[in-house]
């Protein structure tokens, strides 16, 4: 992507990895979570593009994805002017994926790295956060988006905020997923935010940090880009060097090692839609907290979600239960057990 195409704007880098196994049976290997219309008529991937469509603020997006989903991306992003698609030769986690995009950009370009499968209920707050993060990134910071916590979640990583900065805070510490008692303590202090998996940095600054802390990844990404084929819209990095990379997340490879980590806190109604319970929370319910889609009858139910793509589903007298019918597969789970769905053979494609 050339300097005139960017012209001081933020470059969205949208990562389309992951299989969304915990949203089985809707999410399948051939059409995983990002490419499903789970909240509205547009898919989560399309909504990710919609959030960065303002060309006064954002440059055309760079999409990083595996070859298996390239056709879905080209179909769902057919109207995304100037989009570039980078085909990962292999799934190697987020640090190498981000590095592929960074290596294709001018070194002073500000990257905004976004997962393709998250939900953001307040797009205006997202843009405000992106601009604050870009301002810090312009100064050389590696910026994480911190989500203001609303509950003591044990399924998210946390960030402890340190010294205040203009528009954000220095990162005092990244914290792994805590147990509930620890999470409750985090909320009580007011010093912690959820790690939303959204980042901003200069392309060159990111590559420098990667080379410093993970030189093998940096070297092999550079070789993959040097051997890339394709055209302006679709780039295919060389497979041989990239496949030798030992995959690692950007959190472990860069963010937890750099001395330039900062965090911008954003209250933007965020959810990673990590399982059926998270999706249920992101949807609006009726007076009894029920959500339904398709041919569904509910009697004396509370906090029940039923989704059917065909057969009628009738549920009586249940609470905190989720039922999903998709094709020839049926899932029944309590909300509390929704994290276990990804372990079923069907979710693993078996």
Protein backbone atom coordinates (compact mmCIF):
# COMPACT_ATOMS: atom_id res chain seq x y z
CA UNK A 1 0.00 0.00 0.00
CA UNK A 2 1.53 3.30 -1.07
CA UNK A 3 1.93 6.55 0.87
CA UNK A 4 -0.76 8.40 -1.17
CA UNK A 5 -3.29 5.63 -0.37
CA UNK A 6 -2.63 6.08 3.35
CA UNK A 7 -2.05 9.84 3.48
CA UNK A 8 -1.97 10.10 7.26
CA UNK A 9 -4.93 7.79 7.82
CA UNK A 10 -5.09 4.76 10.12
CA UNK A 11 -4.63 1.44 8.30
CA UNK A 12 -7.06 -1.23 9.55
CA UNK A 13 -5.52 -4.71 9.61
CA UNK A 14 -8.29 -7.28 10.00
CA UNK A 15 -7.26 -10.76 11.10
CA UNK A 16 -9.46 -13.61 9.86
CA UNK A 17 -7.91 -16.54 11.69
CA UNK A 18 -9.63 -18.89 14.12
CA UNK A 19 -12.35 -21.47 13.64
CA UNK A 20 -15.04 -20.41 16.13
CA UNK A 21 -15.54 -23.97 17.39
CA UNK A 22 -17.47 -22.84 20.49
CA UNK A 23 -20.24 -21.53 18.21
CA UNK A 24 -20.80 -24.96 16.66
CA UNK A 25 -23.06 -26.04 15.02
CA UNK A 26 -23.60 -22.66 13.32
CA UNK A 27 -19.86 -22.08 12.96
CA UNK A 28 -18.22 -24.75 10.78
CA UNK A 29 -14.74 -25.14 9.29
CA UNK A 30 -15.96 -24.14 5.84
CA UNK A 31 -17.85 -21.06 7.17
CA UNK A 32 -16.60 -20.09 10.62
CA UNK A 33 -17.85 -17.40 12.97
CA UNK A 34 -16.52 -14.26 11.20
CA UNK A 35 -18.52 -15.03 8.05
CA UNK A 36 -21.90 -15.57 9.73
CA UNK A 37 -24.66 -12.96 10.27
CA UNK A 38 -24.95 -13.58 14.00
CA UNK A 39 -25.97 -10.04 14.96
CA UNK A 40 -27.96 -8.39 12.21
CA UNK A 41 -27.96 -8.92 8.46
CA UNK A 42 -24.24 -8.25 8.00
CA UNK A 43 -21.66 -10.84 9.05
CA UNK A 44 -19.19 -10.11 11.84
CA UNK A 45 -16.46 -9.70 9.21
CA UNK A 46 -18.57 -7.24 7.22
CA UNK A 47 -19.33 -5.30 10.39
CA UNK A 48 -15.57 -5.11 11.04
CA UNK A 49 -15.19 -3.46 7.62
CA UNK A 50 -18.17 -1.16 8.27
CA UNK A 51 -16.51 0.22 11.44
CA UNK A 52 -13.49 1.41 9.46
CA UNK A 53 -15.31 2.68 6.38
CA UNK A 54 -14.84 6.41 7.07
CA UNK A 55 -12.11 7.33 4.57
CA UNK A 56 -11.41 10.61 6.36
CA UNK A 57 -10.01 8.54 9.22
CA UNK A 58 -9.20 5.08 7.87
CA UNK A 59 -7.27 3.89 4.82
CA UNK A 60 -8.50 0.82 2.90
CA UNK A 61 -8.24 -2.33 4.99
CA UNK A 62 -5.57 -5.02 4.83
CA UNK A 63 -7.10 -8.45 5.45
CA UNK A 64 -4.93 -11.36 6.62
CA UNK A 65 -6.49 -14.80 6.21
CA UNK A 66 -5.85 -18.38 5.18
CA UNK A 67 -6.46 -19.62 1.65
CA UNK A 68 -9.48 -21.66 2.78
CA UNK A 69 -11.47 -18.50 3.44
CA UNK A 70 -10.22 -16.29 0.61
CA UNK A 71 -13.33 -16.87 -1.51
CA UNK A 72 -15.62 -15.95 1.41
CA UNK A 73 -13.66 -12.76 2.02
CA UNK A 74 -13.74 -11.72 -1.62
CA UNK A 75 -17.48 -12.40 -1.74
CA UNK A 76 -18.34 -10.57 1.48
CA UNK A 77 -15.94 -7.67 0.85
CA UNK A 78 -16.77 -7.20 -2.82
CA UNK A 79 -17.66 -3.54 -2.21
CA UNK A 80 -14.59 -2.77 -0.04
CA UNK A 81 -12.73 -0.31 -2.23
CA UNK A 82 -8.94 -0.64 -2.15
CA UNK A 83 -8.91 -3.66 0.16
CA UNK A 84 -5.81 -5.85 0.11
CA UNK A 85 -5.94 -9.54 0.98
CA UNK A 86 -2.82 -11.23 2.35
CA UNK A 87 -3.00 -15.03 2.20
CA UNK A 88 -1.25 -16.70 5.12
CA UNK A 89 0.61 -19.80 3.89
CA UNK A 90 -0.11 -21.45 7.26
CA UNK A 91 -1.85 -20.57 10.53
CA UNK A 92 0.88 -19.29 12.84
CA UNK A 93 -1.07 -17.17 15.34
CA UNK A 94 -1.32 -13.40 15.46
CA UNK A 95 2.29 -12.15 15.70
CA UNK A 96 3.37 -13.52 12.28
CA UNK A 97 0.03 -12.54 10.72
CA UNK A 98 0.41 -8.93 11.86
CA UNK A 99 4.03 -8.91 10.71
CA UNK A 100 2.97 -9.89 7.18
CA UNK A 101 0.73 -6.83 7.01
CA UNK A 102 3.34 -4.56 8.61
CA UNK A 103 5.98 -5.61 6.09
CA UNK A 104 3.74 -4.47 3.22
CA UNK A 105 3.16 -0.99 4.65
CA UNK A 106 5.29 2.15 4.86
CA UNK A 107 7.23 2.05 8.12
CA UNK A 108 5.49 5.14 9.48
CA UNK A 109 1.98 3.80 8.75
CA UNK A 110 -0.26 3.49 11.82
CA UNK A 111 -1.81 0.02 11.95
CA UNK A 112 -5.04 -0.72 13.79
CA UNK A 113 -5.17 -4.50 14.27
CA UNK A 114 -8.71 -5.86 14.71
CA UNK A 115 -10.06 -9.41 14.93
CA UNK A 116 -12.73 -10.09 12.33
CA UNK A 117 -15.13 -11.85 14.69
CA UNK A 118 -15.77 -9.40 17.53
CA UNK A 119 -18.93 -7.40 18.17
CA UNK A 120 -18.83 -3.70 19.00
CA UNK A 121 -22.17 -2.20 19.89
CA UNK A 122 -20.96 1.42 19.93
CA UNK A 123 -19.00 2.10 16.71
CA UNK A 124 -18.54 5.78 17.58
CA UNK A 125 -16.74 4.86 20.81
CA UNK A 126 -14.59 2.46 18.78
CA UNK A 127 -13.53 5.26 16.42
CA UNK A 128 -12.78 7.57 19.35
CA UNK A 129 -10.62 4.85 20.89
CA UNK A 130 -8.89 4.21 17.55
CA UNK A 131 -7.95 7.87 17.20
CA UNK A 132 -6.60 7.98 20.77
CA UNK A 133 -4.60 4.80 20.15
CA UNK A 134 -3.25 6.18 16.86
CA UNK A 135 -2.03 9.31 18.65
CA UNK A 136 -0.04 7.19 21.12
CA UNK A 137 1.22 4.91 18.35
CA UNK A 138 2.49 7.95 16.46
CA UNK A 139 4.86 8.48 19.40
CA UNK A 140 6.21 4.93 19.08
CA UNK A 141 3.98 3.17 21.60
CA UNK A 142 2.63 -0.37 21.22
CA UNK A 143 -1.01 0.28 22.12
CA UNK A 144 -3.59 -2.21 23.38
CA UNK A 145 -7.33 -1.56 23.57
CA UNK A 146 -8.57 -2.09 27.11
CA UNK A 147 -12.26 -2.81 27.53
CA UNK A 148 -13.88 -1.39 30.66
CA UNK A 149 -14.97 -4.52 32.57
CA UNK A 150 -18.59 -4.92 33.56
CA UNK A 151 -18.40 -8.34 35.25
CA UNK A 152 -15.62 -10.44 36.83
CA UNK A 153 -15.01 -12.47 33.68
CA UNK A 154 -12.63 -15.42 33.96
CA UNK A 155 -12.43 -16.05 30.21
CA UNK A 156 -10.53 -12.85 29.31
CA UNK A 157 -7.00 -11.64 29.88
CA UNK A 158 -6.64 -8.38 31.83
CA UNK A 159 -4.39 -5.34 31.66
CA UNK A 160 -3.40 -3.37 34.73
CA UNK A 161 -3.25 0.35 33.99
CA UNK A 162 -0.13 2.20 35.05
CA UNK A 163 0.97 5.82 34.84
CA UNK A 164 -1.44 8.11 32.97
CA UNK A 165 -0.60 9.24 29.45
CA UNK A 166 -2.37 11.70 27.22
CA UNK A 167 -5.31 9.65 25.95
CA UNK A 168 -4.40 6.47 27.83
CA UNK A 169 -2.11 4.80 30.35
CA UNK A 170 1.21 3.04 30.42
CA UNK A 171 0.70 -0.74 30.82
CA UNK A 172 1.72 -1.84 34.29
CA UNK A 173 1.12 -5.54 33.68
CA UNK A 174 -0.60 -8.04 31.40
CA UNK A 175 -2.48 -10.68 33.39
CA UNK A 176 -3.57 -14.15 32.27
CA UNK A 177 -7.18 -15.29 32.62
CA UNK A 178 -7.86 -15.17 36.38
CA UNK A 179 -10.06 -17.24 38.65
CA UNK A 180 -13.30 -15.62 39.78
CA UNK A 181 -12.05 -14.36 43.14
CA UNK A 182 -9.06 -12.70 41.47
CA UNK A 183 -11.29 -11.19 38.78
CA UNK A 184 -13.60 -9.76 41.45
CA UNK A 185 -10.55 -8.17 43.08
CA UNK A 186 -9.52 -6.65 39.75
CA UNK A 187 -12.92 -4.99 39.35
CA UNK A 188 -12.83 -3.68 42.91
CA UNK A 189 -9.56 -1.81 42.33
CA UNK A 190 -10.70 -0.06 39.16
CA UNK A 191 -7.14 -0.42 37.80
CA UNK A 192 -7.82 -3.30 35.41
CA UNK A 193 -9.40 -3.56 31.96
CA UNK A 194 -10.07 -6.53 29.74
CA UNK A 195 -7.55 -7.17 26.97
CA UNK A 196 -9.74 -6.70 23.89
CA UNK A 197 -7.26 -8.12 21.37
CA UNK A 198 -7.20 -4.85 19.38
CA UNK A 199 -3.85 -3.09 18.93
CA UNK A 200 -2.31 -0.03 17.29
CA UNK A 201 1.31 0.70 16.39
CA UNK A 202 3.52 2.03 13.64
CA UNK A 203 4.39 -0.69 11.16
CA UNK A 204 8.10 -0.03 11.50
CA UNK A 205 7.99 0.15 15.29
CA UNK A 206 6.18 -3.18 15.42
CA UNK A 207 8.71 -4.84 13.12
CA UNK A 208 11.56 -3.44 15.21
CA UNK A 209 10.04 -4.85 18.41
CA UNK A 210 9.41 -8.20 16.74
CA UNK A 211 13.02 -8.34 15.49
CA UNK A 212 14.23 -7.50 19.00
CA UNK A 213 12.15 -10.06 20.89
CA UNK A 214 11.42 -12.74 18.25
CA UNK A 215 14.16 -12.43 15.59
CA UNK A 216 13.35 -15.80 14.01
CA UNK A 217 9.76 -14.76 13.30
CA UNK A 218 10.87 -11.39 11.91
CA UNK A 219 13.47 -12.98 9.65
CA UNK A 220 11.14 -15.60 8.22
CA UNK A 221 8.31 -13.11 7.66
CA UNK A 222 10.74 -10.88 5.78
CA UNK A 223 11.77 -13.83 3.59
CA UNK A 224 8.12 -14.73 2.98
CA UNK A 225 7.33 -11.19 1.82
CA UNK A 226 10.44 -11.02 -0.35
CA UNK A 227 9.25 -14.17 -2.14
CA UNK A 228 5.61 -13.10 -2.37
CA UNK A 229 3.56 -13.37 -5.53
CA UNK A 230 0.21 -11.92 -6.55
CA UNK A 231 -1.02 -8.45 -7.39
CA UNK A 232 -2.06 -5.24 -5.64
CA UNK A 233 -5.32 -6.73 -4.33
CA UNK A 234 -4.15 -10.23 -3.34
CA UNK A 235 -0.67 -11.04 -1.99
CA UNK A 236 0.60 -14.57 -1.44
CA UNK A 237 3.75 -14.66 0.74
CA UNK A 238 6.22 -17.44 0.04
CA UNK A 239 5.18 -20.59 1.85
CA UNK A 240 8.52 -22.23 2.66
CA UNK A 241 9.96 -19.66 5.11
CA UNK A 242 6.59 -18.87 6.69
CA UNK A 243 5.79 -22.52 7.39
CA UNK A 244 9.01 -22.77 9.44
CA UNK A 245 7.74 -20.19 11.94
CA UNK A 246 6.82 -21.35 15.42
CA UNK A 247 3.49 -19.61 15.90
CA UNK A 248 2.97 -17.17 18.74
CA UNK A 249 0.44 -14.52 19.72
CA UNK A 250 1.26 -10.83 19.50
CA UNK A 251 0.62 -10.62 23.25
CA UNK A 252 3.43 -13.03 24.09
CA UNK A 253 5.80 -12.13 21.27
CA UNK A 254 5.68 -8.34 21.54
CA UNK A 255 3.22 -6.73 23.94
CA UNK A 256 4.46 -8.46 27.11
CA UNK A 257 8.11 -7.80 26.22
CA UNK A 258 8.18 -4.24 24.95
CA UNK A 259 8.90 -1.34 27.27
CA UNK A 260 6.61 0.86 25.15
CA UNK A 261 3.28 -0.84 25.92
CA UNK A 262 0.35 1.49 26.57
CA UNK A 263 -3.39 1.00 26.84
CA UNK A 264 -6.39 3.03 25.71
CA UNK A 265 -9.57 2.27 27.64
CA UNK A 266 -12.77 2.10 25.60
CA UNK A 267 -16.37 1.55 26.68
CA UNK A 268 -17.73 0.44 23.30
CA UNK A 269 -20.10 -2.43 24.15
CA UNK A 270 -17.50 -4.98 23.12
CA UNK A 271 -17.81 -8.76 23.03
CA UNK A 272 -15.55 -11.37 21.52
CA UNK A 273 -18.66 -13.55 20.85
CA UNK A 274 -16.53 -16.36 22.20
CA UNK A 275 -19.38 -18.80 22.82
CA UNK A 276 -23.16 -19.10 22.70
CA UNK A 277 -23.60 -17.41 26.07
CA UNK A 278 -21.57 -14.39 24.90
CA UNK A 279 -23.69 -14.22 21.74
CA UNK A 280 -26.85 -14.41 23.84
CA UNK A 281 -25.62 -11.49 25.96
CA UNK A 282 -25.02 -9.44 22.82
CA UNK A 283 -28.59 -9.96 21.61
CA UNK A 284 -31.67 -8.17 22.89
CA UNK A 285 -34.11 -10.30 24.87
CA UNK A 286 -37.80 -10.07 25.66
CA UNK A 287 -39.27 -9.26 29.08
CA UNK A 288 -38.27 -12.72 30.34
CA UNK A 289 -34.76 -12.51 28.92
CA UNK A 290 -35.52 -14.98 26.12
CA UNK A 291 -34.06 -14.76 22.61
CA UNK A 292 -35.35 -16.81 19.69
CA UNK A 293 -34.77 -17.11 15.97
CA UNK A 294 -36.65 -19.31 13.53
CA UNK A 295 -39.67 -21.50 14.34
CA UNK A 296 -39.62 -21.38 18.13
CA UNK A 297 -42.29 -21.69 20.84
CA UNK A 298 -41.44 -20.92 24.46
CA UNK A 299 -43.66 -21.48 27.51
CA UNK A 300 -42.71 -20.30 31.00
CA UNK A 301 -39.04 -19.95 30.11
CA UNK A 302 -36.54 -17.44 31.42
CA UNK A 303 -33.17 -16.51 29.93
CA UNK A 304 -33.47 -19.12 27.20
CA UNK A 305 -32.10 -18.73 23.67
CA UNK A 306 -33.30 -20.94 20.83
CA UNK A 307 -32.07 -20.69 17.25
CA UNK A 308 -33.38 -22.99 14.51
CA UNK A 309 -32.78 -22.91 10.77
CA UNK A 310 -35.70 -25.25 10.04
CA UNK A 311 -37.47 -27.56 12.51
CA UNK A 312 -39.87 -26.10 15.06
CA UNK A 313 -38.36 -26.10 18.56
CA UNK A 314 -40.68 -25.99 21.59
CA UNK A 315 -39.26 -25.39 25.06
CA UNK A 316 -41.23 -25.36 28.32
CA UNK A 317 -40.27 -24.41 31.87
CA UNK A 318 -36.51 -24.04 31.41
CA UNK A 319 -34.07 -21.35 32.53
CA UNK A 320 -30.58 -20.44 31.36
CA UNK A 321 -30.56 -22.93 28.49
CA UNK A 322 -29.44 -22.54 24.85
CA UNK A 323 -30.75 -24.69 21.99
CA UNK A 324 -29.34 -24.49 18.46
CA UNK A 325 -30.55 -26.43 15.44
CA UNK A 326 -28.42 -26.12 12.33
CA UNK A 327 -28.93 -28.53 9.46
CA UNK A 328 -28.62 -32.04 10.83
CA UNK A 329 -26.92 -30.98 14.07
CA UNK A 330 -28.59 -30.09 17.38
CA UNK A 331 -26.92 -28.49 20.39
CA UNK A 332 -28.44 -28.22 23.86
CA UNK A 333 -26.38 -26.56 26.62
CA UNK A 334 -26.79 -24.60 29.79
CA UNK A 335 -25.43 -21.08 29.58
CA UNK A 336 -22.82 -21.95 32.22
CA UNK A 337 -21.48 -24.85 30.12
CA UNK A 338 -21.28 -22.93 26.82
CA UNK A 339 -17.45 -22.91 26.99
CA UNK A 340 -17.47 -26.71 26.55
CA UNK A 341 -19.13 -26.72 23.13
CA UNK A 342 -15.85 -26.54 21.20
CA UNK A 343 -14.82 -29.94 22.62
CA UNK A 344 -17.56 -31.88 20.79
CA UNK A 345 -16.40 -34.05 17.83
CA UNK A 346 -18.73 -32.12 15.51
CA UNK A 347 -17.11 -28.82 16.48
CA UNK A 348 -13.71 -30.33 15.68
CA UNK A 349 -14.90 -31.40 12.25
CA UNK A 350 -14.86 -35.09 13.20
